[in-house]
């Protein structure tokens, strides 16, 4: 099973990294933690949305590290020895906490740091976290296997809900204030201003959805947007679940999605940023009209360091996603 195999692989890799670190410590004594830049709070994040939230709230009072900065998405990331060192020497470590982060527990257990605060988004979201689901026409994968033994698998893409984003920023502000009490006034002011921007964009999403001609989106791809569309009261069809490892759609899946495009007279077929477009084109080619526009919605899972340097932000991507969804629903 794909997810079980990748989790075993990650655990083995983390254990090897920790062994290397332990042996290095035995040979030369404990490695000193890297000096904090200018005495700033050291924050390590896994994914870009968390990284950008911290930057917006902390300003220049924190030294923030983004681990997934090469374009690899959450589901296939594997930490390096340097990553483990950064995490263990940080003041704050923030990550999603789903099945793709199975490596984190081993890393933190093997190299504890009593002064570090660890925050898992799914954990603080609590009972508002949603389980992965398979809707009509969706190609089932391995997500549900092993559920009796390991418990339910939760949808990890919590950052794509603006409502969640505002809540997470509040908790990030609290954590920064705890790590750096002298910066409390700055953190609270920045968080208040930034959350106002998030809430304003959420209002625009709600107004767009309320006035839209349609209430359904169709993704010829993985579907990581459940939190967002649930917030907006929209329904969806998709080829695969958000955490699926599938890359090729079956004949039955193509036929079903093409039929739904015809049935609902959808003007657009959607995909995510990492798609090569082949499934969307095949779905379109099997519709009656064969003229639907293929649009891309960005799930913020493939942001690179170059994108960050170019000025990409969480809000800029979500703003563009609003424009794309508005086109797809009208």
Protein backbone atom coordinates (compact mmCIF):
# COMPACT_ATOMS: atom_id res chain seq x y z
CA UNK A 1 0.00 0.00 0.00
CA UNK A 2 1.48 3.33 -1.08
CA UNK A 3 0.97 5.35 2.10
CA UNK A 4 2.20 2.59 4.39
CA UNK A 5 5.31 2.06 2.24
CA UNK A 6 6.20 5.75 2.17
CA UNK A 7 5.66 6.10 5.92
CA UNK A 8 7.97 3.13 6.59
CA UNK A 9 10.55 4.68 4.25
CA UNK A 10 10.33 8.02 6.05
CA UNK A 11 10.68 6.44 9.47
CA UNK A 12 13.75 4.52 8.38
CA UNK A 13 15.28 7.68 6.95
CA UNK A 14 14.63 9.72 10.09
CA UNK A 15 16.06 6.97 12.31
CA UNK A 16 19.18 6.91 10.13
CA UNK A 17 19.51 10.69 10.37
CA UNK A 18 19.12 10.56 14.13
CA UNK A 19 21.73 7.80 14.33
CA UNK A 20 24.13 9.99 12.37
CA UNK A 21 23.48 12.90 14.72
CA UNK A 22 23.93 10.70 17.79
CA UNK A 23 27.21 9.25 16.53
CA UNK A 24 28.44 12.73 15.68
CA UNK A 25 27.60 13.81 19.22
CA UNK A 26 29.50 10.85 20.68
CA UNK A 27 32.58 11.65 18.62
CA UNK A 28 32.81 15.36 19.21
CA UNK A 29 30.45 16.19 22.05
CA UNK A 30 27.07 17.92 21.72
CA UNK A 31 26.79 20.13 18.66
CA UNK A 32 26.10 23.71 19.69
CA UNK A 33 22.80 25.16 18.50
CA UNK A 34 23.22 27.65 15.67
CA UNK A 35 23.44 31.24 16.87
CA UNK A 36 20.14 33.05 16.46
CA UNK A 37 20.41 35.86 13.96
CA UNK A 38 20.46 39.06 15.97
CA UNK A 39 18.84 37.33 18.93
CA UNK A 40 15.68 36.72 16.93
CA UNK A 41 13.15 33.96 17.60
CA UNK A 42 14.11 30.89 15.56
CA UNK A 43 11.05 29.46 13.80
CA UNK A 44 11.00 26.41 11.53
CA UNK A 45 7.97 25.60 9.35
CA UNK A 46 7.29 22.78 6.95
CA UNK A 47 4.94 24.33 4.37
CA UNK A 48 4.75 27.75 2.73
CA UNK A 49 1.40 28.95 4.13
CA UNK A 50 2.62 28.55 7.72
CA UNK A 51 5.94 30.18 6.78
CA UNK A 52 4.18 33.20 5.31
CA UNK A 53 1.79 33.55 8.24
CA UNK A 54 4.74 33.62 10.65
CA UNK A 55 6.56 36.20 8.51
CA UNK A 56 3.53 38.48 8.43
CA UNK A 57 3.03 38.31 12.20
CA UNK A 58 6.65 38.27 13.37
CA UNK A 59 8.03 40.90 11.03
CA UNK A 60 11.76 41.30 11.62
CA UNK A 61 11.67 39.79 15.13
CA UNK A 62 12.00 36.19 13.89
CA UNK A 63 14.37 34.15 11.77
CA UNK A 64 11.95 31.90 9.84
CA UNK A 65 12.98 28.75 7.95
CA UNK A 66 10.86 27.06 5.28
CA UNK A 67 11.76 23.39 4.94
CA UNK A 68 9.69 22.64 1.81
CA UNK A 69 11.17 25.34 -0.42
CA UNK A 70 12.16 23.32 -3.48
CA UNK A 71 8.70 22.74 -4.97
CA UNK A 72 8.28 19.24 -3.51
CA UNK A 73 4.84 18.93 -1.93
CA UNK A 74 3.95 17.79 1.55
CA UNK A 75 3.09 14.23 0.52
CA UNK A 76 6.53 13.35 -0.83
CA UNK A 77 8.85 15.43 1.37
CA UNK A 78 11.62 13.64 3.25
CA UNK A 79 13.78 15.52 5.80
CA UNK A 80 17.54 15.82 5.58
CA UNK A 81 20.00 15.75 8.49
CA UNK A 82 20.24 19.54 8.27
CA UNK A 83 16.45 19.80 8.50
CA UNK A 84 16.45 17.76 11.71
CA UNK A 85 19.17 20.00 13.19
CA UNK A 86 17.16 23.13 12.32
CA UNK A 87 14.05 21.71 13.96
CA UNK A 88 15.75 20.57 17.15
CA UNK A 89 17.47 23.93 17.68
CA UNK A 90 14.37 26.06 16.97
CA UNK A 91 12.27 28.02 19.45
CA UNK A 92 9.09 27.20 17.50
CA UNK A 93 8.38 24.36 15.08
CA UNK A 94 5.12 24.43 13.11
CA UNK A 95 3.86 21.64 10.86
CA UNK A 96 0.59 20.21 9.55
CA UNK A 97 0.51 16.99 11.57
CA UNK A 98 -1.19 14.61 9.13
CA UNK A 99 -0.10 11.29 7.68
CA UNK A 100 2.46 13.04 5.47
CA UNK A 101 4.19 14.28 8.62
CA UNK A 102 4.61 10.81 10.11
CA UNK A 103 8.37 11.44 10.23
CA UNK A 104 7.95 14.28 12.73
CA UNK A 105 7.14 12.11 15.76
CA UNK A 106 10.35 10.11 15.38
CA UNK A 107 12.41 13.24 14.79
CA UNK A 108 11.11 15.02 17.88
CA UNK A 109 11.31 11.93 20.07
CA UNK A 110 14.91 11.22 19.09
CA UNK A 111 16.17 14.76 19.53
CA UNK A 112 14.15 16.54 22.22
CA UNK A 113 14.40 20.25 23.01
CA UNK A 114 12.52 21.22 26.15
CA UNK A 115 12.56 24.92 25.28
CA UNK A 116 10.97 24.49 21.84
CA UNK A 117 7.22 24.80 21.23
CA UNK A 118 5.79 22.39 18.64
CA UNK A 119 2.50 23.22 16.91
CA UNK A 120 0.61 20.80 14.65
CA UNK A 121 -2.22 22.46 12.72
CA UNK A 122 -4.48 19.41 12.71
CA UNK A 123 -4.05 19.02 16.45
CA UNK A 124 -5.04 22.58 17.33
CA UNK A 125 -7.90 22.46 14.81
CA UNK A 126 -9.37 19.66 16.91
CA UNK A 127 -12.82 18.38 15.98
CA UNK A 128 -13.01 20.83 13.07
CA UNK A 129 -10.54 18.66 11.17
CA UNK A 130 -12.21 16.72 8.36
CA UNK A 131 -11.63 13.10 7.44
CA UNK A 132 -10.63 12.26 3.88
CA UNK A 133 -13.70 11.36 1.84
CA UNK A 134 -14.50 9.61 -1.43
CA UNK A 135 -17.37 11.22 -3.35
CA UNK A 136 -19.33 9.87 -6.31
CA UNK A 137 -17.11 9.16 -9.29
CA UNK A 138 -13.86 9.59 -7.37
CA UNK A 139 -11.26 6.94 -7.98
CA UNK A 140 -10.55 5.20 -4.66
CA UNK A 141 -6.93 4.82 -3.60
CA UNK A 142 -5.19 3.37 -0.57
CA UNK A 143 -6.32 6.12 1.80
CA UNK A 144 -8.88 4.07 3.65
CA UNK A 145 -6.83 0.89 4.03
CA UNK A 146 -5.53 0.10 7.49
CA UNK A 147 -8.07 2.49 9.00
CA UNK A 148 -9.32 0.00 11.60
CA UNK A 149 -5.82 -0.33 13.05
CA UNK A 150 -4.54 3.22 12.69
CA UNK A 151 -7.70 5.31 12.96
CA UNK A 152 -9.19 7.74 10.44
CA UNK A 153 -7.03 9.67 7.99
CA UNK A 154 -7.66 13.39 8.11
CA UNK A 155 -7.58 15.80 5.19
CA UNK A 156 -4.30 17.67 5.66
CA UNK A 157 -5.04 20.70 3.48
CA UNK A 158 -6.32 22.84 6.34
CA UNK A 159 -4.55 26.01 5.14
CA UNK A 160 -6.90 26.35 2.15
CA UNK A 161 -9.74 27.52 4.40
CA UNK A 162 -9.43 31.24 5.07
CA UNK A 163 -11.45 30.71 8.23
CA UNK A 164 -8.84 28.21 9.40
CA UNK A 165 -6.02 30.55 8.36
CA UNK A 166 -7.33 33.33 10.59
CA UNK A 167 -7.61 30.91 13.53
CA UNK A 168 -4.10 29.55 12.97
CA UNK A 169 -2.66 33.07 12.85
CA UNK A 170 -4.19 33.79 16.23
CA UNK A 171 -2.49 30.72 17.69
CA UNK A 172 0.82 31.57 15.98
CA UNK A 173 0.65 35.02 17.56
CA UNK A 174 0.16 33.43 21.00
CA UNK A 175 3.17 31.14 20.44
CA UNK A 176 5.40 34.02 19.34
CA UNK A 177 4.37 36.06 22.38
CA UNK A 178 5.27 33.10 24.59
CA UNK A 179 8.68 32.71 22.96
CA UNK A 180 9.44 36.44 22.93
CA UNK A 181 7.38 38.36 25.50
CA UNK A 182 9.17 41.61 24.66
CA UNK A 183 7.64 41.47 21.20
CA UNK A 184 4.05 40.92 22.35
CA UNK A 185 2.76 44.33 21.30
CA UNK A 186 4.32 43.97 17.84
CA UNK A 187 3.02 40.44 17.33
CA UNK A 188 -0.51 41.30 18.43
CA UNK A 189 -0.67 44.40 16.22
CA UNK A 190 0.70 42.55 13.18
CA UNK A 191 -1.65 39.60 13.76
CA UNK A 192 -4.65 41.88 14.09
CA UNK A 193 -3.82 43.68 10.84
CA UNK A 194 -3.05 40.48 8.95
CA UNK A 195 -6.16 38.65 10.17
CA UNK A 196 -8.23 41.62 9.01
CA UNK A 197 -6.85 41.07 5.50
CA UNK A 198 -7.62 37.34 5.66
CA UNK A 199 -11.14 38.02 6.92
CA UNK A 200 -11.68 40.61 4.19
CA UNK A 201 -10.66 38.11 1.50
CA UNK A 202 -12.92 35.49 3.08
CA UNK A 203 -15.84 37.92 2.80
CA UNK A 204 -15.10 38.38 -0.89
CA UNK A 205 -15.08 34.60 -1.38
CA UNK A 206 -18.44 34.34 0.37
CA UNK A 207 -19.93 37.13 -1.74
CA UNK A 208 -18.62 35.49 -4.91
CA UNK A 209 -20.11 32.10 -3.98
CA UNK A 210 -23.44 33.62 -2.92
CA UNK A 211 -23.83 35.35 -6.28
CA UNK A 212 -22.50 32.56 -8.49
CA UNK A 213 -24.59 30.93 -11.19
CA UNK A 214 -23.34 27.47 -10.23
CA UNK A 215 -22.69 25.63 -6.96
CA UNK A 216 -20.40 22.85 -8.18
CA UNK A 217 -16.75 22.65 -9.21
CA UNK A 218 -15.13 19.73 -11.03
CA UNK A 219 -11.46 18.81 -10.71
CA UNK A 220 -9.85 16.40 -13.17
CA UNK A 221 -7.12 15.97 -10.59
CA UNK A 222 -6.50 15.51 -6.88
CA UNK A 223 -8.86 17.52 -4.71
CA UNK A 224 -7.22 19.35 -1.77
CA UNK A 225 -9.85 22.12 -1.55
CA UNK A 226 -12.51 20.49 0.61
CA UNK A 227 -12.02 22.89 3.54
CA UNK A 228 -12.48 25.88 1.25
CA UNK A 229 -15.52 24.61 -0.65
CA UNK A 230 -17.17 23.40 2.56
CA UNK A 231 -16.78 26.93 3.96
CA UNK A 232 -18.52 28.27 0.84
CA UNK A 233 -21.27 25.65 0.71
CA UNK A 234 -20.12 24.34 -2.67
CA UNK A 235 -20.19 20.76 -3.91
CA UNK A 236 -17.51 19.08 -6.00
CA UNK A 237 -16.50 16.16 -8.17
CA UNK A 238 -12.89 15.08 -8.57
CA UNK A 239 -10.73 12.31 -9.97
CA UNK A 240 -8.86 11.62 -6.72
CA UNK A 241 -8.86 12.55 -3.04
CA UNK A 242 -6.50 15.29 -1.88
CA UNK A 243 -3.78 13.00 -0.56
CA UNK A 244 -4.07 10.39 -3.30
CA UNK A 245 -0.90 9.14 -4.97
CA UNK A 246 -2.79 8.22 -8.14
CA UNK A 247 -1.65 9.91 -11.35
CA UNK A 248 -3.69 8.10 -13.99
CA UNK A 249 -7.48 8.15 -14.08
CA UNK A 250 -9.43 5.04 -15.00
CA UNK A 251 -11.79 4.86 -17.95
CA UNK A 252 -14.74 4.85 -15.54
CA UNK A 253 -13.48 7.99 -13.79
CA UNK A 254 -13.01 9.84 -17.09
CA UNK A 255 -16.48 8.86 -18.30
CA UNK A 256 -18.09 9.90 -15.02
CA UNK A 257 -16.39 13.31 -14.91
CA UNK A 258 -17.09 14.00 -18.58
CA UNK A 259 -20.73 13.12 -18.02
CA UNK A 260 -20.94 15.52 -15.08
CA UNK A 261 -19.46 18.34 -17.16
CA UNK A 262 -22.21 17.74 -19.73
CA UNK A 263 -24.98 17.26 -17.16
CA UNK A 264 -24.14 20.46 -15.26
CA UNK A 265 -23.10 22.49 -18.34
CA UNK A 266 -19.84 23.38 -16.65
CA UNK A 267 -17.79 25.97 -18.57
CA UNK A 268 -14.49 25.01 -16.90
CA UNK A 269 -12.56 21.94 -15.85
CA UNK A 270 -10.17 22.53 -12.95
CA UNK A 271 -6.79 21.12 -11.97
CA UNK A 272 -4.11 21.90 -9.38
CA UNK A 273 -0.76 23.58 -9.99
CA UNK A 274 1.30 20.39 -10.17
CA UNK A 275 -0.82 18.81 -12.91
CA UNK A 276 0.46 18.16 -16.42
CA UNK A 277 -3.07 18.71 -17.74
CA UNK A 278 -3.47 15.28 -19.35
CA UNK A 279 -6.46 14.14 -17.29
CA UNK A 280 -8.27 17.46 -17.73
CA UNK A 281 -7.74 17.34 -21.48
CA UNK A 282 -8.99 13.75 -21.66
CA UNK A 283 -12.11 14.66 -19.68
CA UNK A 284 -12.75 17.61 -22.00
CA UNK A 285 -12.23 15.47 -25.10
CA UNK A 286 -14.94 13.12 -23.88
CA UNK A 287 -17.58 15.80 -23.34
CA UNK A 288 -20.17 16.73 -25.93
CA UNK A 289 -19.00 20.31 -26.49
CA UNK A 290 -15.25 19.68 -26.10
CA UNK A 291 -14.70 23.40 -25.56
CA UNK A 292 -14.43 23.83 -21.79
CA UNK A 293 -11.63 26.01 -20.48
CA UNK A 294 -9.05 24.25 -18.30
CA UNK A 295 -8.11 26.39 -15.31
CA UNK A 296 -5.58 25.89 -12.52
CA UNK A 297 -6.28 26.44 -8.83
CA UNK A 298 -3.14 26.71 -6.68
CA UNK A 299 -3.13 24.54 -3.55
CA UNK A 300 0.06 26.23 -2.25
CA UNK A 301 1.87 22.91 -2.09
CA UNK A 302 4.60 23.63 -4.64
CA UNK A 303 5.89 27.07 -3.66
CA UNK A 304 9.64 27.41 -4.13
CA UNK A 305 12.27 29.70 -2.63
CA UNK A 306 12.35 31.49 -5.99
CA UNK A 307 8.60 32.14 -5.73
CA UNK A 308 9.10 33.59 -2.27
CA UNK A 309 11.88 35.85 -3.50
CA UNK A 310 9.60 36.98 -6.33
CA UNK A 311 7.03 38.19 -3.80
CA UNK A 312 4.50 35.35 -3.76
CA UNK A 313 2.42 35.37 -0.58
CA UNK A 314 -0.39 33.28 0.88
CA UNK A 315 -2.88 36.08 0.21
CA UNK A 316 -1.68 36.72 -3.36
CA UNK A 317 -2.24 33.06 -4.27
CA UNK A 318 -5.63 32.92 -2.55
CA UNK A 319 -6.61 36.13 -4.35
CA UNK A 320 -5.84 34.52 -7.70
CA UNK A 321 -7.72 31.38 -6.67
CA UNK A 322 -10.75 33.57 -5.99
CA UNK A 323 -10.62 34.87 -9.56
CA UNK A 324 -10.33 31.36 -10.98
CA UNK A 325 -13.24 29.99 -8.94
CA UNK A 326 -15.39 32.98 -9.87
CA UNK A 327 -14.83 32.16 -13.53
CA UNK A 328 -15.55 28.45 -13.02
CA UNK A 329 -18.82 29.12 -11.19
CA UNK A 330 -20.27 31.64 -13.67
